[in-house]
Protein backbone atom coordinates (compact mmCIF):
# COMPACT_ATOMS: atom_id res chain seq x y z
CA MET A 1 32.40 -73.82 -3.85
CA VAL A 2 34.33 -70.98 -5.53
CA GLN A 3 32.26 -67.83 -5.90
CA PRO A 4 32.57 -65.29 -8.74
CA ILE A 5 34.13 -61.92 -7.96
CA GLU A 6 32.04 -59.93 -5.55
CA GLU A 7 31.32 -56.22 -5.86
CA GLY A 8 34.24 -54.12 -4.70
CA GLU A 9 36.91 -56.74 -5.30
CA HIS A 10 38.89 -54.90 -7.94
CA TRP A 11 42.29 -56.61 -7.63
CA PRO A 12 41.57 -59.48 -10.07
CA TYR A 13 40.12 -57.01 -12.58
CA LEU A 14 43.20 -54.79 -12.32
CA VAL A 15 45.61 -57.68 -12.86
CA ALA A 16 43.47 -59.03 -15.73
CA ALA A 17 43.53 -55.59 -17.39
CA ILE A 18 47.33 -55.50 -17.20
CA VAL A 19 47.56 -59.01 -18.68
CA ALA A 20 45.04 -58.10 -21.40
CA LEU A 21 46.87 -54.95 -22.52
CA PRO A 22 49.50 -56.68 -24.72
CA GLU A 23 46.77 -58.84 -26.25
CA LEU A 24 44.79 -55.74 -27.17
CA VAL A 25 47.91 -54.19 -28.72
CA LYS A 26 48.43 -57.34 -30.84
CA PHE A 27 44.74 -57.36 -31.78
CA THR A 28 45.03 -53.73 -32.92
CA ALA A 29 48.07 -54.63 -34.99
CA SER A 30 46.05 -57.39 -36.67
CA LEU A 31 43.30 -54.90 -37.53
CA LEU A 32 45.89 -52.53 -39.00
CA GLN A 33 47.38 -55.42 -40.97
CA ARG A 34 43.94 -56.21 -42.37
CA SER A 35 43.48 -52.58 -43.42
CA ARG A 36 46.62 -52.76 -45.58
CA ILE A 37 45.60 -55.84 -47.57
CA GLY A 38 45.18 -54.83 -51.18
CA SER A 39 47.33 -51.68 -50.92
CA PRO A 40 49.57 -50.81 -53.89
CA VAL A 41 52.52 -53.17 -54.12
CA PRO A 42 55.99 -51.60 -53.63
CA GLU A 43 57.98 -51.12 -56.83
CA GLU A 44 60.57 -53.64 -55.63
CA LEU A 45 57.88 -56.36 -55.65
CA ALA A 46 56.14 -55.49 -58.90
CA GLY A 47 55.59 -58.53 -61.11
CA ILE A 48 55.73 -61.22 -58.41
CA TYR A 49 52.03 -61.93 -58.92
CA ASP A 50 50.05 -61.75 -62.12
CA GLN A 51 46.48 -60.44 -61.91
CA GLU A 52 44.89 -63.79 -61.07
CA GLU A 53 47.59 -64.69 -58.52
CA SER A 54 47.24 -61.27 -56.91
CA GLU A 55 43.50 -61.72 -56.45
CA THR A 56 44.04 -65.20 -54.97
CA ALA A 57 46.72 -63.87 -52.58
CA LEU A 58 44.34 -61.12 -51.45
CA ARG A 59 41.58 -63.62 -50.75
CA TYR A 60 44.02 -65.82 -48.86
CA SER A 61 45.26 -62.87 -46.76
CA PHE A 62 41.71 -61.79 -45.94
CA ALA A 63 40.72 -65.36 -45.05
CA LYS A 64 43.72 -65.75 -42.72
CA SER A 65 43.04 -62.34 -41.19
CA THR A 66 39.40 -63.19 -40.48
CA PHE A 67 40.41 -66.54 -39.04
CA GLY A 68 43.08 -64.97 -36.81
CA LEU A 69 40.83 -62.21 -35.50
CA CYS A 70 37.99 -64.60 -34.67
CA HIS A 71 40.38 -67.04 -33.04
CA THR A 72 41.91 -64.30 -30.88
CA MET A 73 38.56 -62.88 -29.77
CA VAL A 74 37.16 -66.27 -28.76
CA ASP A 75 40.36 -67.23 -26.95
CA LEU A 76 40.40 -63.98 -24.96
CA VAL A 77 36.75 -64.29 -23.95
CA VAL A 78 37.18 -67.93 -22.86
CA PHE A 79 40.45 -67.30 -21.00
CA PHE A 80 39.34 -64.24 -19.05
CA GLY A 81 35.94 -65.79 -18.42
CA PHE A 82 37.61 -68.89 -16.97
CA TRP A 83 39.84 -66.67 -14.82
CA LEU A 84 37.26 -64.21 -13.48
CA LEU A 85 34.57 -66.85 -12.87
CA GLY A 86 36.91 -68.81 -10.64
CA GLY A 87 38.02 -71.56 -13.03
CA PHE A 88 41.53 -71.87 -11.62
CA PRO A 89 40.53 -72.64 -8.01
CA LEU A 90 37.63 -74.83 -9.20
CA LEU A 91 40.06 -77.02 -11.13
CA ASP A 92 42.32 -77.10 -8.06
CA GLN A 93 39.43 -78.36 -5.95
CA PHE A 94 38.87 -81.16 -8.44
CA CYS A 95 42.55 -82.17 -8.38
CA GLY A 96 42.60 -82.01 -4.56
CA ARG A 97 39.95 -84.73 -4.42
CA LEU A 98 42.47 -87.15 -5.95
CA HIS A 99 44.41 -87.07 -2.62
CA LEU A 100 47.83 -87.05 -4.25
CA SER A 101 51.03 -85.47 -2.96
CA THR A 102 51.58 -81.78 -3.59
CA VAL A 103 53.98 -82.48 -6.46
CA TRP A 104 51.71 -84.95 -8.26
CA THR A 105 48.61 -82.85 -7.62
CA GLY A 106 50.48 -80.03 -9.34
CA VAL A 107 51.46 -82.25 -12.25
CA VAL A 108 47.83 -83.34 -12.75
CA TYR A 109 46.61 -79.74 -12.42
CA ILE A 110 49.02 -78.32 -14.99
CA MET A 111 48.55 -81.22 -17.43
CA LEU A 112 44.75 -80.79 -17.22
CA LEU A 113 45.12 -77.09 -17.97
CA MET A 114 47.29 -77.95 -20.97
CA GLY A 115 44.74 -80.54 -22.08
CA LEU A 116 41.88 -78.01 -21.85
CA SER A 117 43.94 -75.51 -23.83
CA GLN A 118 44.64 -78.08 -26.56
CA ALA A 119 40.98 -79.10 -26.65
CA MET A 120 40.07 -75.44 -27.23
CA TYR A 121 42.68 -75.13 -29.97
CA LEU A 122 41.84 -78.34 -31.83
CA PRO A 123 38.68 -77.15 -33.68
CA TRP A 124 40.56 -74.09 -34.92
CA ASP A 125 43.44 -76.28 -36.03
CA ILE A 126 41.07 -78.58 -37.92
CA TYR A 127 39.33 -75.67 -39.63
CA PHE A 128 42.60 -73.98 -40.61
CA THR A 129 44.08 -77.19 -42.04
CA PHE A 130 41.12 -78.82 -43.75
CA VAL A 131 39.07 -75.77 -44.73
CA LEU A 132 41.17 -72.62 -45.09
CA GLU A 133 44.46 -74.17 -46.26
CA GLU A 134 42.58 -76.76 -48.31
CA LYS A 135 40.61 -74.09 -50.16
CA PHE A 136 43.76 -72.32 -51.27
CA GLY A 137 45.60 -75.48 -52.27
CA PHE A 138 48.13 -75.65 -49.43
CA ASN A 139 46.88 -78.57 -47.38
CA LYS A 140 48.28 -82.01 -48.25
CA THR A 141 47.55 -83.55 -44.85
CA THR A 142 45.25 -86.54 -44.69
CA VAL A 143 42.98 -87.05 -41.68
CA ALA A 144 45.13 -90.05 -40.66
CA THR A 145 48.35 -87.98 -40.77
CA PHE A 146 46.68 -85.13 -38.86
CA ILE A 147 45.50 -87.48 -36.11
CA ARG A 148 48.85 -89.29 -36.00
CA ASP A 149 50.76 -86.00 -35.59
CA ARG A 150 48.51 -84.83 -32.73
CA VAL A 151 48.71 -88.16 -30.96
CA LYS A 152 52.51 -88.14 -31.23
CA ALA A 153 52.65 -84.57 -29.90
CA GLY A 154 50.40 -85.52 -26.99
CA LEU A 155 52.45 -88.59 -26.12
CA LEU A 156 55.67 -86.59 -26.33
CA ALA A 157 54.20 -83.92 -24.03
CA VAL A 158 53.29 -86.65 -21.54
CA LEU A 159 56.55 -88.60 -21.76
CA LEU A 160 58.80 -85.53 -21.57
CA GLY A 161 56.55 -83.00 -19.88
CA ILE A 162 55.44 -85.01 -16.85
CA PRO A 163 58.96 -85.95 -15.59
CA ILE A 164 60.30 -82.43 -16.20
CA LEU A 165 57.29 -80.86 -14.52
CA ALA A 166 57.52 -83.23 -11.55
CA VAL A 167 61.19 -82.38 -11.00
CA VAL A 168 60.49 -78.62 -11.26
CA LEU A 169 57.64 -78.79 -8.74
CA TRP A 170 59.76 -80.94 -6.42
CA PHE A 171 62.54 -78.34 -6.47
CA LEU A 172 60.08 -75.51 -5.79
CA SER A 173 58.40 -77.43 -2.97
CA SER A 174 61.61 -78.64 -1.31
CA PHE A 175 64.28 -75.94 -1.59
CA GLY A 176 62.46 -72.82 -0.42
CA THR A 177 63.59 -69.38 -1.61
CA GLY A 178 66.63 -70.75 -3.47
CA ALA A 179 64.64 -73.25 -5.50
CA TRP A 180 64.46 -70.95 -8.54
CA LEU A 181 68.21 -71.39 -9.16
CA TRP A 182 67.96 -75.19 -9.18
CA VAL A 183 64.99 -74.97 -11.54
CA TRP A 184 66.95 -72.72 -13.87
CA ILE A 185 69.95 -75.11 -13.91
CA PHE A 186 67.75 -78.16 -14.51
CA VAL A 187 65.47 -76.71 -17.20
CA SER A 188 68.37 -75.01 -19.02
CA SER A 189 70.29 -78.30 -19.10
CA VAL A 190 67.26 -80.08 -20.57
CA GLN A 191 66.82 -77.32 -23.15
CA VAL A 192 70.44 -77.57 -24.31
CA LEU A 193 70.22 -81.38 -24.46
CA LEU A 194 67.06 -81.20 -26.57
CA LEU A 195 68.81 -78.87 -29.03
CA PHE A 196 71.26 -81.69 -29.75
CA LEU A 197 68.59 -84.39 -29.83
CA MET A 198 66.04 -82.43 -31.87
CA PRO A 199 67.43 -83.16 -35.36
CA VAL A 200 68.19 -86.83 -34.76
CA LEU A 201 65.40 -87.99 -32.45
CA LEU A 202 62.50 -85.53 -32.22
CA LEU A 203 62.08 -84.12 -35.74
CA PRO A 204 62.05 -87.59 -37.38
CA LEU A 205 59.07 -88.48 -35.16
CA PHE A 206 56.94 -85.97 -37.05
CA MET A 207 58.63 -85.61 -40.42
CA GLU A 208 60.06 -88.24 -42.71
CA MET A 209 63.68 -87.20 -43.17
CA ILE A 210 65.24 -88.86 -46.21
CA PRO A 211 69.01 -88.53 -46.79
CA LEU A 212 69.38 -86.69 -50.10
CA PRO A 213 70.60 -89.49 -52.37
CA ASP A 214 72.99 -89.59 -55.27
CA GLY A 215 71.55 -90.03 -58.74
CA GLN A 216 68.40 -88.56 -60.21
CA ALA A 217 64.90 -87.86 -58.94
CA ILE A 218 61.52 -87.44 -60.59
CA ILE A 219 59.17 -84.76 -59.24
CA THR A 220 55.49 -84.53 -60.14
CA GLU A 221 53.68 -81.23 -60.49
CA GLU A 222 51.54 -79.93 -57.67
CA ALA A 223 47.77 -79.78 -57.58
CA GLY A 224 46.54 -76.37 -58.61
CA GLU A 225 49.17 -75.80 -61.28
CA ASP A 226 47.50 -75.01 -64.60
CA GLY A 227 44.15 -75.29 -62.81
CA LYS A 228 44.50 -79.03 -62.19
CA ALA A 229 42.94 -80.93 -59.30
CA LEU A 230 45.12 -83.96 -58.56
CA PRO A 231 44.78 -86.64 -55.89
CA PRO A 232 47.13 -85.75 -53.01
CA PHE A 233 49.23 -88.89 -53.43
CA LEU A 234 50.34 -87.73 -56.91
CA SER A 235 50.77 -84.03 -56.13
CA GLY A 236 54.31 -82.72 -55.68
CA ARG A 237 55.85 -86.13 -55.07
CA VAL A 238 59.60 -86.75 -55.21
CA PHE A 239 60.70 -90.20 -56.48
CA TYR A 240 64.35 -91.03 -55.84
CA ALA A 241 66.37 -93.30 -58.14
CA LYS A 242 66.74 -96.88 -56.91
CA ASN A 243 68.71 -97.75 -60.03
CA ASP A 244 68.91 -96.58 -63.64
CA SER A 245 65.36 -97.67 -64.42
CA ALA A 246 63.32 -97.37 -61.20
CA TYR A 247 62.38 -94.45 -58.95
CA ALA A 248 60.52 -94.83 -55.65
CA THR A 249 59.19 -92.91 -52.68
CA ARG A 250 57.45 -93.84 -49.47
CA ASP A 251 53.79 -92.92 -49.61
CA ARG A 252 51.69 -91.71 -46.68
CA ARG A 253 48.95 -90.03 -48.67
CA PHE A 254 47.41 -92.72 -50.82
CA THR A 255 43.87 -93.68 -49.82
CA GLY A 256 44.07 -96.76 -47.61
CA ALA A 257 47.86 -96.80 -47.56
CA LYS A 258 49.78 -97.91 -44.49
CA VAL A 259 52.89 -96.12 -43.29
CA GLY A 260 55.76 -97.27 -45.48
CA ASP A 261 53.63 -98.26 -48.48
CA GLY A 262 55.44 -97.42 -51.68
CA LEU A 263 54.88 -95.52 -54.88
CA ALA A 264 57.22 -95.87 -57.86
CA VAL A 265 58.01 -94.69 -61.38
CA LEU A 266 59.38 -97.45 -63.61
CA PRO A 267 59.09 -98.87 -67.15
CA PHE A 268 56.26 -101.27 -67.95
CA VAL A 269 55.25 -103.55 -70.80
CA GLY A 270 56.21 -101.99 -74.12
CA GLY A 271 58.75 -99.68 -72.48
CA SER A 272 56.26 -97.04 -71.33
CA TRP A 273 56.98 -95.40 -67.96
CA VAL A 274 54.25 -95.75 -65.32
CA ILE A 275 53.49 -94.52 -61.82
CA SER A 276 52.70 -97.64 -59.82
CA SER A 277 52.13 -98.86 -56.29
CA GLY A 278 55.06 -100.71 -54.78
CA ASN A 279 58.68 -100.05 -53.90
CA GLY A 280 60.09 -100.06 -57.42
CA GLU A 281 60.94 -103.75 -57.59
CA LYS A 282 58.03 -104.52 -59.93
CA VAL A 283 54.92 -102.92 -61.39
CA GLU A 284 51.86 -103.39 -59.17
CA THR A 285 48.71 -101.24 -59.45
CA VAL A 286 49.24 -98.70 -62.27
CA HIS A 287 48.00 -95.20 -61.46
CA ALA A 288 49.29 -93.33 -64.52
CA THR A 289 50.96 -94.18 -67.85
CA SER A 290 53.27 -92.14 -70.08
CA SER A 291 53.85 -92.33 -73.80
CA GLU A 292 57.55 -91.77 -73.02
CA LYS A 293 59.50 -94.96 -73.72
CA GLY A 294 62.95 -96.20 -72.82
CA THR A 295 64.93 -97.65 -69.95
CA GLN A 296 66.40 -94.38 -68.64
CA ILE A 297 65.26 -90.78 -68.21
CA ALA A 298 67.70 -87.92 -68.69
CA ALA A 299 67.87 -85.04 -66.21
CA GLY A 300 65.72 -82.13 -67.38
CA THR A 301 63.25 -84.38 -69.23
CA ARG A 302 59.56 -83.60 -68.69
CA ILE A 303 57.11 -86.53 -68.85
CA THR A 304 53.33 -86.37 -69.10
CA PHE A 305 51.44 -89.26 -67.51
CA GLN A 306 47.85 -90.12 -68.41
CA LEU A 307 45.88 -90.87 -65.23
CA SER A 308 44.02 -94.15 -64.84
CA GLU A 309 40.24 -94.07 -64.54
CA GLU A 310 40.41 -94.88 -60.82
CA VAL A 311 42.77 -91.97 -60.19
CA LYS A 312 40.58 -89.63 -62.24
CA GLN A 313 37.69 -90.56 -59.95
CA LEU A 314 39.82 -89.66 -56.92
CA ALA A 315 40.56 -86.29 -58.49
CA LEU A 316 36.84 -85.75 -59.13
CA GLN A 317 36.02 -86.60 -55.53
CA GLY A 318 38.37 -83.84 -54.44
CA VAL A 319 36.28 -81.16 -56.15
CA GLU A 320 32.82 -82.58 -55.52
CA GLY A 321 30.67 -80.49 -53.22
CA GLN A 322 32.66 -77.30 -53.88
CA ALA A 323 31.13 -74.31 -55.61
CA SER A 324 31.78 -74.70 -59.31
CA GLY A 325 31.84 -70.93 -59.82
CA ASP A 326 34.60 -70.43 -57.26
CA PRO A 327 37.80 -69.49 -59.14
CA LEU A 328 39.82 -71.40 -56.54
CA VAL A 329 38.17 -74.71 -57.45
CA PRO A 330 40.23 -76.35 -60.24
CA ALA A 331 38.97 -78.91 -62.71
CA ALA A 332 39.85 -82.57 -62.23
CA ALA A 333 43.02 -83.47 -64.13
CA ASN A 334 43.45 -86.11 -66.83
CA THR A 335 47.25 -85.94 -66.73
CA VAL A 336 50.10 -85.24 -64.38
CA THR A 337 53.46 -83.85 -65.52
CA ALA A 338 56.77 -84.82 -63.94
CA VAL A 339 60.33 -83.55 -64.40
CA CYS A 340 63.60 -85.42 -63.86
CA VAL A 341 66.24 -83.58 -61.80
CA ASN A 342 69.79 -84.48 -60.81
CA ALA A 343 69.58 -84.96 -57.03
CA GLY A 344 73.15 -86.22 -56.89
CA SER A 345 74.46 -83.02 -58.42
CA LEU A 346 72.50 -80.97 -55.90
CA ARG A 347 73.86 -83.08 -53.04
CA THR A 348 77.45 -82.67 -54.24
CA SER A 349 77.02 -78.91 -54.69
CA LEU A 350 75.42 -78.45 -51.26
CA LEU A 351 78.19 -80.37 -49.50
CA SER A 352 80.83 -78.48 -51.44
CA LEU A 353 79.30 -75.13 -50.45
CA ALA A 354 78.95 -76.20 -46.82
CA ASN A 355 82.60 -77.28 -46.63
CA ARG A 356 83.77 -74.12 -48.40
CA LEU A 357 81.90 -71.99 -45.85
CA GLY A 358 83.22 -73.97 -42.87
CA TYR A 359 79.98 -75.79 -42.09
CA HIS A 360 81.69 -79.17 -41.75
CA GLY A 361 80.25 -82.55 -40.89
CA ALA A 362 76.67 -81.84 -41.90
CA SER A 363 74.32 -84.43 -43.39
CA ILE A 364 71.74 -83.40 -46.00
CA TYR A 365 68.15 -84.51 -45.59
CA VAL A 366 64.97 -83.98 -47.56
CA ILE A 367 61.89 -83.53 -45.38
CA ASP A 368 58.64 -84.94 -46.72
CA GLY A 369 56.90 -81.62 -46.16
CA SER A 370 54.64 -82.18 -49.15
CA ALA A 371 52.84 -84.85 -47.13
CA ARG A 372 51.38 -82.03 -45.05
CA SER A 373 51.63 -78.70 -46.86
CA ALA A 374 52.61 -77.03 -50.12
CA HIS A 375 54.61 -74.38 -48.24
CA SER A 376 58.41 -74.51 -48.64
CA ASN A 377 61.30 -74.12 -46.24
CA ALA A 378 64.95 -74.95 -45.63
CA PHE A 379 67.02 -74.78 -42.46
CA CYS A 380 70.19 -75.93 -40.74
CA THR A 381 69.87 -77.50 -37.32
CA GLY A 382 71.99 -79.15 -34.64
CA PHE A 383 75.56 -78.71 -33.48
CA GLY A 384 78.82 -80.51 -34.26
CA SER A 385 78.28 -84.06 -35.48
CA PHE A 386 74.52 -83.57 -35.02
CA ARG A 387 74.38 -80.97 -37.80
CA ARG A 388 71.78 -81.44 -40.49
CA ILE A 389 70.94 -79.46 -43.61
CA CYS A 390 67.19 -79.90 -44.14
CA LEU A 391 65.34 -79.14 -47.36
CA PHE A 392 61.59 -79.46 -47.70
CA ASP A 393 60.83 -81.57 -50.77
CA THR A 394 58.55 -78.77 -51.99
CA LEU A 395 61.70 -76.70 -52.66
CA LEU A 396 63.04 -79.14 -55.26
CA PRO A 397 60.48 -78.41 -57.99
CA LEU A 398 60.26 -74.73 -57.02
CA LEU A 399 63.90 -73.60 -57.11
CA SER A 400 66.84 -74.31 -59.37
CA GLU A 401 69.98 -75.93 -58.02
CA ASP A 402 71.80 -72.58 -57.87
CA GLU A 403 68.86 -70.93 -56.09
CA ILE A 404 68.83 -73.68 -53.46
CA LEU A 405 72.57 -73.09 -52.96
CA ALA A 406 71.95 -69.38 -52.39
CA VAL A 407 69.24 -70.19 -49.84
CA LEU A 408 71.58 -72.63 -48.10
CA GLY A 409 74.24 -69.91 -47.99
CA HIS A 410 71.76 -67.84 -45.98
CA GLU A 411 70.98 -70.74 -43.61
CA ILE A 412 74.67 -71.52 -43.10
CA GLY A 413 75.15 -67.82 -42.40
CA HIS A 414 72.96 -68.14 -39.31
CA ASP A 415 75.33 -70.80 -37.97
CA ARG A 416 78.58 -69.13 -38.99
CA MET A 417 77.46 -65.77 -37.55
CA TYR A 418 76.58 -67.59 -34.29
CA HIS A 419 72.96 -66.50 -34.38
CA VAL A 420 71.67 -69.76 -32.91
CA HIS A 421 74.33 -69.71 -30.21
CA SER A 422 73.74 -66.08 -29.23
CA MET A 423 69.95 -66.51 -29.19
CA LEU A 424 70.39 -69.56 -26.95
CA VAL A 425 72.59 -67.62 -24.52
CA MET A 426 70.11 -64.74 -24.42
CA SER A 427 67.15 -67.06 -23.90
CA LEU A 428 68.95 -68.77 -21.01
CA ALA A 429 69.81 -65.37 -19.48
CA TYR A 430 66.20 -64.25 -19.85
CA PHE A 431 64.98 -67.49 -18.28
CA PHE A 432 67.38 -66.82 -15.37
CA VAL A 433 65.72 -63.44 -14.74
CA MET A 434 62.28 -65.01 -15.06
CA MET A 435 63.07 -67.75 -12.53
CA TYR A 436 64.57 -65.18 -10.15
CA ALA A 437 61.31 -63.23 -10.30
CA LEU A 438 59.30 -66.43 -9.80
CA GLY A 439 61.24 -67.09 -6.60
CA HIS A 440 59.96 -63.78 -5.19
CA PHE A 441 56.32 -64.41 -6.16
CA LEU A 442 56.10 -68.08 -5.19
CA SER A 443 54.34 -67.40 -1.89
CA SER A 444 52.63 -64.10 -2.75
CA PRO A 445 49.08 -63.86 -1.30
CA ALA A 446 48.37 -60.91 -3.62
CA LEU A 447 49.13 -62.97 -6.74
CA SER A 448 47.02 -65.83 -5.45
CA ALA A 449 44.12 -63.46 -4.67
CA ALA A 450 44.28 -62.03 -8.19
CA PHE A 451 43.24 -65.46 -9.50
CA LEU A 452 40.67 -66.02 -6.70
CA ALA A 453 42.72 -68.82 -5.12
CA PRO A 454 42.43 -68.95 -1.31
CA GLU A 455 46.09 -69.87 -0.75
CA PRO A 456 49.36 -69.64 -2.74
CA LYS A 457 50.06 -73.28 -3.54
CA VAL A 458 53.32 -73.87 -5.42
CA TYR A 459 51.84 -75.33 -8.61
CA LEU A 460 49.14 -72.64 -8.72
CA MET A 461 51.74 -69.90 -8.37
CA VAL A 462 53.77 -71.32 -11.26
CA ILE A 463 50.71 -70.95 -13.52
CA PHE A 464 49.66 -67.56 -12.12
CA PHE A 465 53.17 -66.16 -12.40
CA SER A 466 53.50 -67.33 -16.02
CA ILE A 467 50.28 -65.45 -16.83
CA VAL A 468 51.17 -62.15 -15.14
CA TRP A 469 54.67 -62.38 -16.65
CA GLU A 470 53.14 -62.12 -20.14
CA PRO A 471 53.37 -58.27 -20.31
CA VAL A 472 57.10 -58.51 -19.52
CA ASP A 473 57.44 -61.30 -22.08
CA PHE A 474 55.64 -59.11 -24.62
CA PHE A 475 58.30 -56.38 -24.44
CA ILE A 476 61.19 -58.86 -24.37
CA ASN A 477 59.76 -60.54 -27.46
CA LEU A 478 59.71 -57.18 -29.24
CA LEU A 479 63.45 -56.90 -28.68
CA MET A 480 63.99 -60.50 -29.79
CA LYS A 481 62.00 -59.86 -32.98
CA VAL A 482 64.14 -56.80 -33.74
CA LEU A 483 67.28 -58.90 -33.22
CA SER A 484 65.86 -61.72 -35.35
CA ARG A 485 65.21 -59.35 -38.26
CA PHE A 486 68.74 -57.99 -37.92
CA ASN A 487 70.05 -61.56 -38.03
CA GLU A 488 68.09 -62.22 -41.23
CA TYR A 489 69.72 -59.23 -42.92
CA GLN A 490 73.11 -60.43 -41.68
CA ALA A 491 72.54 -63.98 -43.00
CA ASP A 492 71.49 -62.52 -46.37
CA ARG A 493 74.75 -60.57 -46.50
CA TYR A 494 76.70 -63.71 -45.64
CA SER A 495 75.14 -65.56 -48.58
CA VAL A 496 75.75 -62.64 -50.95
CA ALA A 497 79.42 -62.48 -49.87
CA ALA A 498 79.79 -66.25 -50.47
CA ASP A 499 79.34 -65.92 -54.24
CA LYS A 500 78.87 -62.99 -56.59
CA LYS A 501 75.80 -64.54 -58.25
CA TYR A 502 73.98 -65.33 -54.99
CA ALA A 503 72.42 -61.87 -54.58
CA ARG A 504 70.26 -62.30 -57.66
CA LEU A 505 69.62 -65.98 -56.94
CA LEU A 506 68.64 -65.35 -53.32
CA GLY A 507 66.32 -62.53 -54.34
CA ASP A 508 64.69 -64.69 -57.00
CA SER A 509 64.31 -67.55 -54.50
CA LEU A 510 62.58 -65.33 -51.96
CA LYS A 511 60.19 -64.05 -54.61
CA LYS A 512 59.35 -67.58 -55.73
CA MET A 513 58.75 -68.78 -52.16
CA MET A 514 56.61 -65.75 -51.34
CA ARG A 515 54.64 -66.21 -54.55
CA LYS A 516 54.12 -69.91 -53.81
CA SER A 517 52.91 -69.13 -50.29
CA LYS A 518 50.59 -66.33 -51.49
CA VAL A 519 52.17 -63.92 -49.02
CA ASN A 520 50.65 -60.50 -48.37
CA LEU A 521 53.13 -58.13 -50.02
CA THR A 522 51.90 -55.01 -48.20
CA PRO A 523 52.11 -55.76 -44.46
CA HIS A 524 51.46 -52.96 -41.98
CA PRO A 525 54.74 -51.68 -40.44
CA PHE A 526 53.36 -51.92 -36.90
CA HIS A 527 52.32 -55.53 -37.45
CA VAL A 528 55.79 -56.32 -38.83
CA PHE A 529 57.44 -54.63 -35.84
CA LEU A 530 55.25 -56.53 -33.40
CA ASN A 531 55.15 -60.02 -34.91
CA ASN A 532 57.58 -60.71 -37.75
CA SER A 533 60.86 -62.52 -37.18
CA HIS A 534 61.79 -61.73 -40.82
CA PRO A 535 61.92 -58.30 -42.50
CA GLU A 536 59.27 -57.40 -45.06
CA LEU A 537 60.23 -58.65 -48.51
CA ASP A 538 60.75 -55.34 -50.29
CA ALA A 539 63.13 -54.06 -47.58
CA ARG A 540 65.00 -57.34 -47.67
CA LEU A 541 65.43 -57.29 -51.46
CA LYS A 542 66.69 -53.70 -51.33
CA ALA A 543 69.21 -54.62 -48.64
CA ILE A 544 70.45 -57.59 -50.70
CA ARG A 545 70.91 -55.41 -53.78
CA ASN A 546 72.63 -52.61 -51.84
CA TYR A 547 75.04 -54.99 -50.13
CA HIS A 548 75.92 -56.69 -53.43
CA GLU A 549 76.71 -53.33 -55.02
CA LYS A 550 78.80 -52.26 -52.03
CA HIS A 551 80.63 -55.58 -51.61
CA TYR A 552 81.42 -56.18 -55.28
CA ASN A 553 81.50 -52.54 -56.37
CA GLU A 554 79.13 -53.20 -59.27
CA ARG A 555 75.46 -52.68 -59.98
CA MET A 556 73.26 -55.72 -59.62
């Protein structure tokens, strides 16, 4: 039976204090960040929010701050309590009763620790998704999608994590003091391989990636716009043209829908356009009807659909039980508005820009991000023939075609300036140093004693070393964050240099995305320095304007 720390045994306390120090610094930064919420907005950012939006953004920032502080405090208490009350050796005793080999005992031990960690995180994840994000109109995830994503992540961790972990522990158990080098070679090779496989195999497991098609697309408004409460399956949906008179999308958000069930916009009896179940081949269950008539819809046309009674009831259910006086609770909608955009033109323009900037061979995909969140993003991923340009579908109704091009110029800039490549090289070099240090601590009685373990078993030492390495990781991460912010400025300059009009367009895009995400416009500088991979918005906009004026020798 493992006993708690006895009086006079100060070594575990000393090591725990060292490990806790970076966490306390980050906690202090979060408190400072909270103190700045509601401060006067910099002149550069004036006008991003109107009065109502500003108040909502403040409430959102305070809610996230409270959530983060509570989460951190509970996690620290549980973690250090588990440590100092002998949780690590107790779990080892349990695994030892399974009478497995050293390698497989270690695999079970580490996987159980990971499982306990995920079990601790899950309630926070549920609250953040279905309470906090839901309240402020960001959550689009259904319970089924949430569960499916977590199950997939768990299976992936088992299918990939167990073999990798077993090989690592085998190296460490079999090759003595030189094992760290073999571990570094093996894990680095896997990491590089996964970078190639990520866009084509791993990302599609969690996100529906639709090749951006030619032709037109119809995009519905999002819930919350104009104070409307819409059922999730109609909010911010993108319907792609199947032909001149039918638009369809796969639907994962409709109540009772199976994966792959369809939703379509097409003309019905009398020529009126309807939103219907199905794949666009024929009208099935009608969810909304428009007074707009015809067999085609021109790009730029806005259509208002009247919701069916069943859909109105779904919208009402979404606001039932919420405080009616809460300004964040919208009224149930009677209509939904959609706009027709030229997806084919966007696709042609994106490919043309990519080729002009030397980003050859990329495919363009739209990610069904609106099935989970209203937040927007775009990124380039992969290498060589595995390159993909990825746009969240939430960007399409938010930004104009030219603004999306300016954002893509920034993302291509990361590739063309070799930011991904250099960060990969630095991460591999850092991992080399980390593994070298692990090799020297693998049989350390002092490290084992700090976690109350009677002997330095290989798999225990891997866990203990990763914990005491955190203070080193903290300082390295500070340097990486500084470099990341520098890279963001550099990618902005690359986009600005690509086209004279991109400075204004990129700035407008950033403002729109920040406004949509209800971002805190007055972050504390210490919090930014400690945590942010991107510069604060006002500094970034100033840098864009200054570079445009310098590069083109004209005022923006």
